[in-house]
Amino acid sequence: MRKQIHPAIIFSLFGIFIAILLLNKPSFEDHPIKIKPNALQVETQALHNLDKPIIDVSGWERPEEINYDTLSQNISGVIVRVHNGAQHTEANDAAFINGVDKAYKNHIAEFQKRNVPVGVYAYVAGKSKEDMEKAAEVFYNAASPYNPSYYWLDVEEKTMSDMNEGVEAFRAKLAALGAKNIGIYVGVYFMQEHSINTDKFSAIWIPSYGTDSGYFETKPNTDLDYDLHQYTSKGRIAGFEHHLDINLISTTKEKEETFRKLFLRP
């Protein structure tokens, strides 16, 4: 005859099973809950940290290697890569095959949870106007639920014969979808070589490293009215043990006014 199991034993086993599941819950969820940051708290903290660096991060900065509490205390703002442009390869495993960055959800959620203002960027790599428009749509659909302060186009690589036409197709599609604040990240030499027109962008972000020592050395050699300067790819900030890209507001601009433009308006 089959022996009946006492209900108390079943309840105890079930409790142990639930406890094991909770203890083994991952630190970073695949689909973090989107939160709406408190605008006043974000502004207060950001302005308090106004003299601290602005960083940009992507899937190459692994969430499990970041102490978000510490890093958030040492920066004023962050720009998160949402779309990689190119497809996934063995050498580039920080994004999915459709170009979406693997870590962007975690990065945005963790920084917003700590009241760090967040902008987003996409690496522009379409091979046709249609490719550019499709990438812009994927980028916007992935990023817009997080209400980023700015959408940036990272333009570094010639992927079609008329890059200016491609960049404009990407920008125009973003605007048509509803993005209000759209900026461009582009090197002075690349911009000149490929005749990239920046007139329709509301902000300009320029990389200019000098010797890339990890420290600010000199401002970009340009007459362009730029807003943000990426001055090194080898920065070090407490909260992350590897190199970071570090940026600052243009030294030719009023710092608080420009920071508000880039990070504190939806």
C-alpha atoms as a PDB file:
ATOM      1  CA  MET A   1       0.000   0.000   0.000  1.00  0.00           C
ATOM      2  CA  ARG A   2       1.290   3.524  -0.902  1.00  0.00           C
ATOM      3  CA  LYS A   3       2.273   5.505   2.135  1.00  0.00           C
ATOM      4  CA  GLN A   4       0.596   8.934   2.348  1.00  0.00           C
ATOM      5  CA  ILE A   5       2.995  11.911   2.706  1.00  0.00           C
ATOM      6  CA  HIS A   6       2.117  14.264   5.531  1.00  0.00           C
ATOM      7  CA  PRO A   7       1.007  17.748   4.258  1.00  0.00           C
ATOM      8  CA  ALA A   8       3.501  19.481   6.576  1.00  0.00           C
ATOM      9  CA  ILE A   9       6.394  17.718   4.843  1.00  0.00           C
ATOM     10  CA  ILE A  10       5.134  18.792   1.426  1.00  0.00           C
ATOM     11  CA  PHE A  11       4.795  22.400   2.633  1.00  0.00           C
ATOM     12  CA  SER A  12       8.342  22.339   4.064  1.00  0.00           C
ATOM     13  CA  LEU A  13       9.829  20.980   0.826  1.00  0.00           C
ATOM     14  CA  PHE A  14       7.999  23.625  -1.182  1.00  0.00           C
ATOM     15  CA  GLY A  15       9.330  26.346   1.130  1.00  0.00           C
ATOM     16  CA  ILE A  16      12.896  25.091   0.680  1.00  0.00           C
ATOM     17  CA  PHE A  17      12.464  25.075  -3.110  1.00  0.00           C
ATOM     18  CA  ILE A  18      11.239  28.697  -3.117  1.00  0.00           C
ATOM     19  CA  ALA A  19      14.132  29.759  -0.888  1.00  0.00           C
ATOM     20  CA  ILE A  20      16.657  28.171  -3.270  1.00  0.00           C
ATOM     21  CA  LEU A  21      15.121  30.035  -6.218  1.00  0.00           C
ATOM     22  CA  LEU A  22      15.316  33.356  -4.377  1.00  0.00           C
ATOM     23  CA  LEU A  23      18.911  32.825  -3.309  1.00  0.00           C
ATOM     24  CA  ASN A  24      19.931  32.007  -6.869  1.00  0.00           C
ATOM     25  CA  LYS A  25      18.121  34.935  -8.484  1.00  0.00           C
ATOM     26  CA  PRO A  26      20.572  36.754 -10.809  1.00  0.00           C
ATOM     27  CA  SER A  27      21.820  40.183  -9.799  1.00  0.00           C
ATOM     28  CA  PHE A  28      20.928  41.643 -13.197  1.00  0.00           C
ATOM     29  CA  GLU A  29      17.652  40.662 -14.816  1.00  0.00           C
ATOM     30  CA  ASP A  30      17.437  40.113 -18.550  1.00  0.00           C
ATOM     31  CA  HIS A  31      14.499  42.498 -18.666  1.00  0.00           C
ATOM     32  CA  PRO A  32      14.836  45.075 -15.870  1.00  0.00           C
ATOM     33  CA  ILE A  33      11.702  46.886 -14.812  1.00  0.00           C
ATOM     34  CA  LYS A  34      11.581  50.337 -16.366  1.00  0.00           C
ATOM     35  CA  ILE A  35      11.363  53.027 -13.712  1.00  0.00           C
ATOM     36  CA  LYS A  36      10.521  56.688 -14.111  1.00  0.00           C
ATOM     37  CA  PRO A  37      13.203  58.676 -12.289  1.00  0.00           C
ATOM     38  CA  ASN A  38      12.172  61.545 -10.055  1.00  0.00           C
ATOM     39  CA  ALA A  39      13.088  64.598 -12.133  1.00  0.00           C
ATOM     40  CA  LEU A  40      13.818  66.806  -9.133  1.00  0.00           C
ATOM     41  CA  GLN A  41      16.092  64.226  -7.521  1.00  0.00           C
ATOM     42  CA  VAL A  42      17.935  63.671 -10.822  1.00  0.00           C
ATOM     43  CA  GLU A  43      18.465  67.407 -11.287  1.00  0.00           C
ATOM     44  CA  THR A  44      19.595  67.988  -7.707  1.00  0.00           C
ATOM     45  CA  GLN A  45      22.125  65.146  -7.794  1.00  0.00           C
ATOM     46  CA  ALA A  46      23.398  66.012 -11.278  1.00  0.00           C
ATOM     47  CA  LEU A  47      24.004  69.657 -10.472  1.00  0.00           C
ATOM     48  CA  HIS A  48      25.736  68.673  -7.241  1.00  0.00           C
ATOM     49  CA  ASN A  49      28.040  66.451  -9.329  1.00  0.00           C
ATOM     50  CA  LEU A  50      28.398  68.955 -12.171  1.00  0.00           C
ATOM     51  CA  ASP A  51      32.206  69.027 -11.986  1.00  0.00           C
ATOM     52  CA  LYS A  52      32.423  65.222 -12.211  1.00  0.00           C
ATOM     53  CA  PRO A  53      32.951  63.357 -15.507  1.00  0.00           C
ATOM     54  CA  ILE A  54      30.367  62.260 -18.030  1.00  0.00           C
ATOM     55  CA  ILE A  55      30.909  58.699 -19.242  1.00  0.00           C
ATOM     56  CA  ASP A  56      29.628  56.584 -22.096  1.00  0.00           C
ATOM     57  CA  VAL A  57      29.189  52.831 -21.768  1.00  0.00           C
ATOM     58  CA  SER A  58      28.117  49.836 -23.832  1.00  0.00           C
ATOM     59  CA  GLY A  59      27.963  46.062 -23.646  1.00  0.00           C
ATOM     60  CA  TRP A  60      31.763  46.026 -23.483  1.00  0.00           C
ATOM     61  CA  GLU A  61      31.421  47.376 -19.935  1.00  0.00           C
ATOM     62  CA  ARG A  62      29.908  44.281 -18.346  1.00  0.00           C
ATOM     63  CA  PRO A  63      27.230  45.058 -15.732  1.00  0.00           C
ATOM     64  CA  GLU A  64      28.588  42.370 -13.426  1.00  0.00           C
ATOM     65  CA  GLU A  65      31.932  44.205 -13.333  1.00  0.00           C
ATOM     66  CA  ILE A  66      30.422  47.549 -12.336  1.00  0.00           C
ATOM     67  CA  ASN A  67      29.770  48.786  -8.827  1.00  0.00           C
ATOM     68  CA  TYR A  68      26.903  51.046  -9.827  1.00  0.00           C
ATOM     69  CA  ASP A  69      26.620  52.613  -6.361  1.00  0.00           C
ATOM     70  CA  THR A  70      30.232  53.787  -6.399  1.00  0.00           C
ATOM     71  CA  LEU A  71      30.407  54.720 -10.080  1.00  0.00           C
ATOM     72  CA  SER A  72      27.185  56.740  -9.882  1.00  0.00           C
ATOM     73  CA  GLN A  73      28.637  58.854  -7.091  1.00  0.00           C
ATOM     74  CA  ASN A  74      31.619  59.777  -9.258  1.00  0.00           C
ATOM     75  CA  ILE A  75      29.920  60.900 -12.474  1.00  0.00           C
ATOM     76  CA  SER A  76      27.457  63.593 -13.478  1.00  0.00           C
ATOM     77  CA  GLY A  77      25.837  61.826 -16.427  1.00  0.00           C
ATOM     78  CA  VAL A  78      26.042  58.776 -18.675  1.00  0.00           C
ATOM     79  CA  ILE A  79      25.384  58.042 -22.359  1.00  0.00           C
ATOM     80  CA  VAL A  80      24.491  54.396 -22.980  1.00  0.00           C
ATOM     81  CA  ARG A  81      24.885  52.557 -26.269  1.00  0.00           C
ATOM     82  CA  VAL A  82      21.602  50.982 -27.322  1.00  0.00           C
ATOM     83  CA  HIS A  83      22.352  49.939 -30.906  1.00  0.00           C
ATOM     84  CA  ASN A  84      25.628  48.722 -32.380  1.00  0.00           C
ATOM     85  CA  GLY A  85      24.792  49.186 -36.047  1.00  0.00           C
ATOM     86  CA  ALA A  86      26.753  46.161 -37.258  1.00  0.00           C
ATOM     87  CA  GLN A  87      25.586  42.599 -36.758  1.00  0.00           C
ATOM     88  CA  HIS A  88      26.928  40.318 -34.066  1.00  0.00           C
ATOM     89  CA  THR A  89      30.200  38.517 -34.832  1.00  0.00           C
ATOM     90  CA  GLU A  90      32.505  36.318 -32.803  1.00  0.00           C
ATOM     91  CA  ALA A  91      34.786  39.313 -32.320  1.00  0.00           C
ATOM     92  CA  ASN A  92      31.883  41.566 -31.392  1.00  0.00           C
ATOM     93  CA  ASP A  93      29.705  39.767 -28.892  1.00  0.00           C
ATOM     94  CA  ALA A  94      28.536  42.843 -26.966  1.00  0.00           C
ATOM     95  CA  ALA A  95      25.443  43.148 -29.166  1.00  0.00           C
ATOM     96  CA  PHE A  96      22.759  40.827 -30.489  1.00  0.00           C
ATOM     97  CA  ILE A  97      22.497  39.863 -34.153  1.00  0.00           C
ATOM     98  CA  ASN A  98      19.993  42.690 -34.772  1.00  0.00           C
ATOM     99  CA  GLY A  99      22.506  45.214 -33.449  1.00  0.00           C
ATOM    100  CA  VAL A 100      20.852  45.853 -30.087  1.00  0.00           C
ATOM    101  CA  ASP A 101      23.387  46.186 -27.283  1.00  0.00           C
ATOM    102  CA  LYS A 102      23.272  43.293 -24.812  1.00  0.00           C
ATOM    103  CA  ALA A 103      23.760  45.406 -21.687  1.00  0.00           C
ATOM    104  CA  TYR A 104      21.807  48.585 -22.397  1.00  0.00           C
ATOM    105  CA  LYS A 105      18.752  47.623 -20.346  1.00  0.00           C
ATOM    106  CA  ASN A 106      20.824  46.873 -17.277  1.00  0.00           C
ATOM    107  CA  HIS A 107      22.981  49.973 -17.686  1.00  0.00           C
ATOM    108  CA  ILE A 108      20.038  52.333 -18.073  1.00  0.00           C
ATOM    109  CA  ALA A 109      17.993  50.769 -15.285  1.00  0.00           C
ATOM    110  CA  GLU A 110      20.895  50.748 -12.815  1.00  0.00           C
ATOM    111  CA  PHE A 111      21.922  54.351 -13.499  1.00  0.00           C
ATOM    112  CA  GLN A 112      18.375  55.691 -13.516  1.00  0.00           C
ATOM    113  CA  LYS A 113      17.691  53.881 -10.262  1.00  0.00           C
ATOM    114  CA  ARG A 114      20.518  55.974  -8.780  1.00  0.00           C
ATOM    115  CA  ASN A 115      19.238  59.230 -10.288  1.00  0.00           C
ATOM    116  CA  VAL A 116      22.020  59.556 -12.866  1.00  0.00           C
ATOM    117  CA  PRO A 117      20.721  61.351 -15.996  1.00  0.00           C
ATOM    118  CA  VAL A 118      20.909  59.118 -19.069  1.00  0.00           C
ATOM    119  CA  GLY A 119      21.354  59.788 -22.779  1.00  0.00           C
ATOM    120  CA  VAL A 120      21.594  57.053 -25.424  1.00  0.00           C
ATOM    121  CA  TYR A 121      23.568  56.469 -28.601  1.00  0.00           C
ATOM    122  CA  ALA A 122      23.649  54.275 -31.679  1.00  0.00           C
ATOM    123  CA  TYR A 123      26.684  53.367 -33.761  1.00  0.00           C
ATOM    124  CA  VAL A 124      25.786  54.291 -37.332  1.00  0.00           C
ATOM    125  CA  ALA A 125      26.767  51.598 -39.832  1.00  0.00           C
ATOM    126  CA  GLY A 126      24.000  51.219 -42.415  1.00  0.00           C
ATOM    127  CA  LYS A 127      24.980  50.349 -45.982  1.00  0.00           C
ATOM    128  CA  SER A 128      22.013  52.133 -47.556  1.00  0.00           C
ATOM    129  CA  LYS A 129      19.355  54.694 -46.671  1.00  0.00           C
ATOM    130  CA  GLU A 130      16.966  51.825 -45.993  1.00  0.00           C
ATOM    131  CA  ASP A 131      19.461  50.211 -43.615  1.00  0.00           C
ATOM    132  CA  MET A 132      19.895  53.529 -41.822  1.00  0.00           C
ATOM    133  CA  GLU A 133      16.166  54.032 -41.405  1.00  0.00           C
ATOM    134  CA  LYS A 134      15.666  50.469 -40.156  1.00  0.00           C
ATOM    135  CA  ALA A 135      18.487  50.871 -37.622  1.00  0.00           C
ATOM    136  CA  ALA A 136      17.008  54.179 -36.450  1.00  0.00           C
ATOM    137  CA  GLU A 137      13.661  52.495 -35.873  1.00  0.00           C
ATOM    138  CA  VAL A 138      15.198  49.631 -33.871  1.00  0.00           C
ATOM    139  CA  PHE A 139      17.236  52.152 -31.872  1.00  0.00           C
ATOM    140  CA  TYR A 140      14.230  54.348 -31.087  1.00  0.00           C
ATOM    141  CA  ASN A 141      11.931  51.467 -30.172  1.00  0.00           C
ATOM    142  CA  ALA A 142      14.528  50.055 -27.776  1.00  0.00           C
ATOM    143  CA  ALA A 143      15.499  53.358 -26.152  1.00  0.00           C
ATOM    144  CA  SER A 144      12.329  55.463 -26.032  1.00  0.00           C
ATOM    145  CA  PRO A 145      10.608  53.588 -23.168  1.00  0.00           C
ATOM    146  CA  TYR A 146      13.423  54.836 -20.899  1.00  0.00           C
ATOM    147  CA  ASN A 147      12.813  58.490 -21.825  1.00  0.00           C
ATOM    148  CA  PRO A 148      16.483  59.353 -22.474  1.00  0.00           C
ATOM    149  CA  SER A 149      17.486  63.014 -22.474  1.00  0.00           C
ATOM    150  CA  TYR A 150      19.246  62.802 -25.850  1.00  0.00           C
ATOM    151  CA  TYR A 151      19.598  60.461 -28.819  1.00  0.00           C
ATOM    152  CA  TRP A 152      23.121  60.456 -30.269  1.00  0.00           C
ATOM    153  CA  LEU A 153      24.360  59.150 -33.622  1.00  0.00           C
ATOM    154  CA  ASP A 154      27.911  57.793 -33.346  1.00  0.00           C
ATOM    155  CA  VAL A 155      29.402  58.368 -36.805  1.00  0.00           C
ATOM    156  CA  GLU A 156      32.889  56.890 -37.172  1.00  0.00           C
ATOM    157  CA  GLU A 157      32.915  54.551 -40.160  1.00  0.00           C
ATOM    158  CA  LYS A 158      32.232  54.913 -43.884  1.00  0.00           C
ATOM    159  CA  THR A 159      29.667  52.211 -44.683  1.00  0.00           C
ATOM    160  CA  MET A 160      28.029  53.711 -47.781  1.00  0.00           C
ATOM    161  CA  SER A 161      29.243  55.904 -50.629  1.00  0.00           C
ATOM    162  CA  ASP A 162      27.407  59.018 -49.423  1.00  0.00           C
ATOM    163  CA  MET A 163      27.701  58.957 -45.649  1.00  0.00           C
ATOM    164  CA  ASN A 164      26.080  62.362 -45.265  1.00  0.00           C
ATOM    165  CA  GLU A 165      22.971  61.041 -47.013  1.00  0.00           C
ATOM    166  CA  GLY A 166      22.955  57.987 -44.739  1.00  0.00           C
ATOM    167  CA  VAL A 167      23.441  59.996 -41.559  1.00  0.00           C
ATOM    168  CA  GLU A 168      20.617  62.332 -42.540  1.00  0.00           C
ATOM    169  CA  ALA A 169      18.336  59.366 -43.274  1.00  0.00           C
ATOM    170  CA  PHE A 170      19.046  58.006 -39.782  1.00  0.00           C
ATOM    171  CA  ARG A 171      18.480  61.401 -38.122  1.00  0.00           C
ATOM    172  CA  ALA A 172      15.292  62.146 -40.056  1.00  0.00           C
ATOM    173  CA  LYS A 173      13.792  58.755 -39.227  1.00  0.00           C
ATOM    174  CA  LEU A 174      14.521  59.270 -35.519  1.00  0.00           C
ATOM    175  CA  ALA A 175      12.845  62.661 -35.645  1.00  0.00           C
ATOM    176  CA  ALA A 176       9.823  61.266 -37.482  1.00  0.00           C
ATOM    177  CA  LEU A 177       9.449  58.583 -34.820  1.00  0.00           C
ATOM    178  CA  GLY A 178       9.333  61.210 -32.075  1.00  0.00           C
ATOM    179  CA  ALA A 179      12.887  61.807 -30.846  1.00  0.00           C
ATOM    180  CA  LYS A 180      13.083  65.468 -29.836  1.00  0.00           C
ATOM    181  CA  ASN A 181      16.761  65.906 -29.000  1.00  0.00           C
ATOM    182  CA  ILE A 182      19.174  64.413 -31.527  1.00  0.00           C
ATOM    183  CA  GLY A 183      22.943  64.918 -31.467  1.00  0.00           C
ATOM    184  CA  ILE A 184      25.911  63.679 -33.467  1.00  0.00           C
ATOM    185  CA  TYR A 185      29.224  62.214 -32.279  1.00  0.00           C
ATOM    186  CA  VAL A 186      31.801  62.691 -35.018  1.00  0.00           C
ATOM    187  CA  GLY A 187      35.516  63.328 -35.337  1.00  0.00           C
ATOM    188  CA  VAL A 188      36.567  66.567 -37.020  1.00  0.00           C
ATOM    189  CA  TYR A 189      38.667  64.796 -39.665  1.00  0.00           C
ATOM    190  CA  PHE A 190      35.965  62.240 -40.511  1.00  0.00           C
ATOM    191  CA  MET A 191      33.339  64.977 -40.720  1.00  0.00           C
ATOM    192  CA  GLN A 192      35.434  66.990 -43.155  1.00  0.00           C
ATOM    193  CA  GLU A 193      36.567  64.010 -45.237  1.00  0.00           C
ATOM    194  CA  HIS A 194      33.020  62.764 -45.784  1.00  0.00           C
ATOM    195  CA  SER A 195      31.239  66.144 -45.861  1.00  0.00           C
ATOM    196  CA  ILE A 196      29.008  65.342 -42.887  1.00  0.00           C
ATOM    197  CA  ASN A 197      26.527  68.195 -42.375  1.00  0.00           C
ATOM    198  CA  THR A 198      25.798  68.823 -38.686  1.00  0.00           C
ATOM    199  CA  ASP A 199      23.316  71.689 -39.161  1.00  0.00           C
ATOM    200  CA  LYS A 200      20.192  69.650 -38.419  1.00  0.00           C
ATOM    201  CA  PHE A 201      21.552  68.228 -35.171  1.00  0.00           C
ATOM    202  CA  SER A 202      20.834  70.110 -31.973  1.00  0.00           C
ATOM    203  CA  ALA A 203      24.088  69.071 -30.270  1.00  0.00           C
ATOM    204  CA  ILE A 204      27.590  68.045 -31.332  1.00  0.00           C
ATOM    205  CA  TRP A 205      29.945  65.684 -29.495  1.00  0.00           C
ATOM    206  CA  ILE A 206      33.562  65.508 -30.614  1.00  0.00           C
ATOM    207  CA  PRO A 207      36.244  62.904 -29.771  1.00  0.00           C
ATOM    208  CA  SER A 208      39.727  64.386 -29.479  1.00  0.00           C
ATOM    209  CA  TYR A 209      42.213  62.519 -27.278  1.00  0.00           C
ATOM    210  CA  GLY A 210      45.644  64.083 -27.680  1.00  0.00           C
ATOM    211  CA  THR A 211      47.955  61.306 -26.462  1.00  0.00           C
ATOM    212  CA  ASP A 212      44.997  59.485 -24.840  1.00  0.00           C
ATOM    213  CA  SER A 213      46.733  59.554 -21.475  1.00  0.00           C
ATOM    214  CA  GLY A 214      43.542  59.205 -19.469  1.00  0.00           C
ATOM    215  CA  TYR A 215      43.561  62.923 -18.631  1.00  0.00           C
ATOM    216  CA  PHE A 216      42.285  66.070 -20.312  1.00  0.00           C
ATOM    217  CA  GLU A 217      45.094  67.532 -22.430  1.00  0.00           C
ATOM    218  CA  THR A 218      43.675  69.973 -24.949  1.00  0.00           C
ATOM    219  CA  LYS A 219      40.382  70.992 -26.490  1.00  0.00           C
ATOM    220  CA  PRO A 220      39.509  69.903 -30.051  1.00  0.00           C
ATOM    221  CA  ASN A 221      41.125  71.856 -32.870  1.00  0.00           C
ATOM    222  CA  THR A 222      37.962  73.110 -34.545  1.00  0.00           C
ATOM    223  CA  ASP A 223      35.807  76.189 -35.003  1.00  0.00           C
ATOM    224  CA  LEU A 224      32.704  74.001 -34.775  1.00  0.00           C
ATOM    225  CA  ASP A 225      30.255  75.017 -32.056  1.00  0.00           C
ATOM    226  CA  TYR A 226      30.371  71.718 -30.164  1.00  0.00           C
ATOM    227  CA  ASP A 227      28.772  70.847 -26.823  1.00  0.00           C
ATOM    228  CA  LEU A 228      30.579  67.755 -25.545  1.00  0.00           C
ATOM    229  CA  HIS A 229      34.202  66.622 -25.758  1.00  0.00           C
ATOM    230  CA  GLN A 230      35.306  63.003 -25.362  1.00  0.00           C
ATOM    231  CA  TYR A 231      38.888  63.528 -24.253  1.00  0.00           C
ATOM    232  CA  THR A 232      40.085  60.003 -23.481  1.00  0.00           C
ATOM    233  CA  SER A 233      39.263  56.340 -23.927  1.00  0.00           C
ATOM    234  CA  LYS A 234      41.531  55.368 -21.049  1.00  0.00           C
ATOM    235  CA  GLY A 235      39.890  57.043 -18.097  1.00  0.00           C
ATOM    236  CA  ARG A 236      39.763  55.539 -14.645  1.00  0.00           C
ATOM    237  CA  ILE A 237      36.856  56.092 -12.254  1.00  0.00           C
ATOM    238  CA  ALA A 238      36.117  54.357  -8.960  1.00  0.00           C
ATOM    239  CA  GLY A 239      33.400  51.758  -9.401  1.00  0.00           C
ATOM    240  CA  PHE A 240      34.867  50.137 -12.528  1.00  0.00           C
ATOM    241  CA  GLU A 241      38.305  48.560 -12.723  1.00  0.00           C
ATOM    242  CA  HIS A 242      38.826  48.962 -16.464  1.00  0.00           C
ATOM    243  CA  HIS A 243      39.201  51.896 -18.855  1.00  0.00           C
ATOM    244  CA  LEU A 244      36.268  54.183 -19.547  1.00  0.00           C
ATOM    245  CA  ASP A 245      35.532  56.843 -22.153  1.00  0.00           C
ATOM    246  CA  ILE A 246      35.394  60.171 -20.327  1.00  0.00           C
ATOM    247  CA  ASN A 247      33.733  63.339 -21.547  1.00  0.00           C
ATOM    248  CA  LEU A 248      33.287  66.926 -20.449  1.00  0.00           C
ATOM    249  CA  ILE A 249      31.156  69.884 -21.439  1.00  0.00           C
ATOM    250  CA  SER A 250      32.901  72.093 -24.003  1.00  0.00           C
ATOM    251  CA  THR A 251      35.183  74.570 -22.273  1.00  0.00           C
ATOM    252  CA  THR A 252      33.774  77.247 -24.572  1.00  0.00           C
ATOM    253  CA  LYS A 253      30.236  76.753 -23.227  1.00  0.00           C
ATOM    254  CA  GLU A 254      28.509  77.704 -19.980  1.00  0.00           C
ATOM    255  CA  LYS A 255      28.680  74.415 -18.091  1.00  0.00           C
ATOM    256  CA  GLU A 256      25.357  74.268 -16.255  1.00  0.00           C
ATOM    257  CA  GLU A 257      23.329  75.602 -19.180  1.00  0.00           C
ATOM    258  CA  THR A 258      24.857  73.063 -21.568  1.00  0.00           C
ATOM    259  CA  PHE A 259      24.548  70.201 -19.100  1.00  0.00           C
ATOM    260  CA  ARG A 260      20.869  71.020 -18.681  1.00  0.00           C
ATOM    261  CA  LYS A 261      20.463  70.980 -22.460  1.00  0.00           C
ATOM    262  CA  LEU A 262      22.081  67.549 -22.826  1.00  0.00           C
ATOM    263  CA  PHE A 263      20.835  65.761 -19.728  1.00  0.00           C
ATOM    264  CA  LEU A 264      18.030  67.527 -17.918  1.00  0.00           C
ATOM    265  CA  ARG A 265      15.394  68.033 -20.578  1.00  0.00           C
ATOM    266  CA  PRO A 266      13.244  65.122 -21.756  1.00  0.00           C
END
